[in-house]
């Protein structure tokens, strides 16, 4: 049986602020913005090229805003992705890679798949991880 991850709920305090951050600063597509009454609103957003979306809203999760940690966004060039995001005002950590001696600054010199990382937070403090996969592959 196939199973596809389609939607990840991200708890936020201010739906409009989160929508602006994810769509304007990260470039996610706004797929849905639907409200029913005062107690329910869902905004579904999809990262460029992704088959999985996120949802922010009211009445969709009881998780504490800012409690999500380590959701990965896979990019083919972590340096370019970091530069693009910082150019849009996102505070992204310096890149890092793991070696037998531990974490080292900068991307993996050989750009090994799953080897380079950088982090950023959304306005509520949910932590995202950029991870490099497929560097130099068309």
Protein backbone atom coordinates (compact mmCIF):
# COMPACT_ATOMS: atom_id res chain seq x y z
CA UNK A 1 0.00 0.00 0.00
CA UNK A 2 1.36 3.42 -0.96
CA UNK A 3 1.22 6.23 1.57
CA UNK A 4 1.94 9.82 0.66
CA UNK A 5 2.62 12.58 3.12
CA UNK A 6 0.32 15.38 1.96
CA UNK A 7 -0.04 17.95 4.76
CA UNK A 8 1.89 19.03 7.86
CA UNK A 9 0.15 21.26 10.42
CA UNK A 10 2.24 24.18 11.68
CA UNK A 11 0.87 25.85 14.83
CA UNK A 12 0.94 29.67 14.71
CA UNK A 13 -0.47 32.59 16.70
CA UNK A 14 -1.22 34.98 13.84
CA UNK A 15 -2.55 33.34 10.68
CA UNK A 16 -2.11 36.37 8.42
CA UNK A 17 1.46 36.97 9.61
CA UNK A 18 2.30 33.30 9.01
CA UNK A 19 0.63 33.35 5.59
CA UNK A 20 2.70 36.41 4.60
CA UNK A 21 5.93 34.84 5.89
CA UNK A 22 5.46 31.52 4.11
CA UNK A 23 4.14 32.99 0.85
CA UNK A 24 6.10 36.24 0.52
CA UNK A 25 9.41 35.40 2.19
CA UNK A 26 9.67 31.66 1.52
CA UNK A 27 7.81 31.65 -1.80
CA UNK A 28 5.23 29.00 -0.86
CA UNK A 29 2.12 28.93 -3.04
CA UNK A 30 -1.15 29.73 -1.27
CA UNK A 31 -3.43 26.83 -2.23
CA UNK A 32 -6.34 27.40 0.14
CA UNK A 33 -7.49 30.15 2.50
CA UNK A 34 -10.85 29.06 3.89
CA UNK A 35 -12.78 30.13 6.98
CA UNK A 36 -16.00 28.81 8.46
CA UNK A 37 -17.32 31.07 11.18
CA UNK A 38 -15.13 32.53 13.90
CA UNK A 39 -13.59 29.27 15.09
CA UNK A 40 -12.13 27.74 11.95
CA UNK A 41 -9.70 28.94 9.30
CA UNK A 42 -7.18 26.96 7.30
CA UNK A 43 -4.47 28.31 5.01
CA UNK A 44 -2.72 25.62 2.99
CA UNK A 45 0.63 26.51 1.42
CA UNK A 46 2.98 24.45 -0.74
CA UNK A 47 6.74 24.95 -1.15
CA UNK A 48 7.87 25.33 -4.77
CA UNK A 49 8.35 21.87 -6.30
CA UNK A 50 6.92 20.01 -3.30
CA UNK A 51 4.22 17.34 -3.26
CA UNK A 52 3.63 18.01 0.45
CA UNK A 53 1.97 21.14 1.82
CA UNK A 54 1.71 22.82 5.20
CA UNK A 55 -1.36 24.28 6.86
CA UNK A 56 -1.62 27.10 9.36
CA UNK A 57 -4.87 28.20 10.88
CA UNK A 58 -7.37 28.25 13.68
CA UNK A 59 -9.18 25.15 14.85
CA UNK A 60 -6.82 22.79 13.02
CA UNK A 61 -4.37 21.76 15.76
CA UNK A 62 -3.97 21.97 19.52
CA UNK A 63 -0.17 22.10 19.27
CA UNK A 64 1.53 25.10 20.84
CA UNK A 65 2.64 27.78 18.37
CA UNK A 66 6.40 27.54 17.89
CA UNK A 67 6.58 23.91 19.03
CA UNK A 68 7.42 22.33 15.67
CA UNK A 69 11.11 21.50 15.33
CA UNK A 70 13.18 20.13 12.47
CA UNK A 71 10.80 20.04 9.52
CA UNK A 72 13.14 19.70 6.53
CA UNK A 73 13.01 21.60 3.27
CA UNK A 74 15.23 19.86 0.71
CA UNK A 75 17.16 22.12 -1.67
CA UNK A 76 19.69 21.34 -4.40
CA UNK A 77 22.02 24.23 -3.49
CA UNK A 78 22.08 25.16 0.17
CA UNK A 79 24.28 28.21 -0.40
CA UNK A 80 21.95 29.64 -3.06
CA UNK A 81 18.86 28.81 -0.98
CA UNK A 82 20.35 30.51 2.07
CA UNK A 83 21.28 33.60 0.04
CA UNK A 84 17.80 33.80 -1.49
CA UNK A 85 16.07 33.53 1.87
CA UNK A 86 18.35 35.99 3.67
CA UNK A 87 17.78 38.37 0.74
CA UNK A 88 14.07 38.20 1.58
CA UNK A 89 14.70 39.01 5.25
CA UNK A 90 14.70 35.47 6.66
CA UNK A 91 17.32 34.92 9.37
CA UNK A 92 19.04 31.70 8.30
CA UNK A 93 21.89 30.15 10.28
CA UNK A 94 25.26 29.64 8.69
CA UNK A 95 25.49 26.34 6.85
CA UNK A 96 27.09 23.32 8.50
CA UNK A 97 28.02 19.76 7.70
CA UNK A 98 28.83 16.66 9.73
CA UNK A 99 32.28 15.10 9.71
CA UNK A 100 33.75 12.19 11.69
CA UNK A 101 35.08 14.89 14.04
CA UNK A 102 31.65 16.52 14.47
CA UNK A 103 29.89 19.54 12.97
CA UNK A 104 31.97 21.85 10.78
CA UNK A 105 30.94 25.24 9.36
CA UNK A 106 29.94 25.62 5.73
CA UNK A 107 28.39 23.19 3.28
CA UNK A 108 29.89 19.75 2.80
CA UNK A 109 32.87 20.39 0.45
CA UNK A 110 31.83 17.37 -1.64
CA UNK A 111 28.12 18.30 -1.51
CA UNK A 112 27.22 14.79 -0.38
CA UNK A 113 23.45 14.24 -0.41
CA UNK A 114 21.90 14.82 3.01
CA UNK A 115 25.18 16.29 4.25
CA UNK A 116 24.65 20.08 4.46
CA UNK A 117 22.22 21.92 6.71
CA UNK A 118 21.06 25.39 7.78
CA UNK A 119 18.19 26.44 10.07
CA UNK A 120 15.63 29.22 10.27
CA UNK A 121 12.53 30.00 12.31
CA UNK A 122 9.12 31.25 11.32
CA UNK A 123 7.68 34.25 13.22
CA UNK A 124 6.33 31.93 15.96
CA UNK A 125 9.64 30.11 16.46
CA UNK A 126 8.84 26.90 14.57
CA UNK A 127 12.26 25.65 13.44
CA UNK A 128 12.87 24.60 9.83
CA UNK A 129 15.95 22.87 8.44
CA UNK A 130 17.31 23.36 4.94
CA UNK A 131 19.01 20.17 3.74
CA UNK A 132 20.99 19.81 0.51
CA UNK A 133 20.21 16.89 -1.79
CA UNK A 134 21.06 16.54 -5.49
CA UNK A 135 23.64 19.32 -5.75
CA UNK A 136 24.82 19.76 -9.31
CA UNK A 137 22.29 17.28 -10.72
CA UNK A 138 19.83 18.45 -13.35
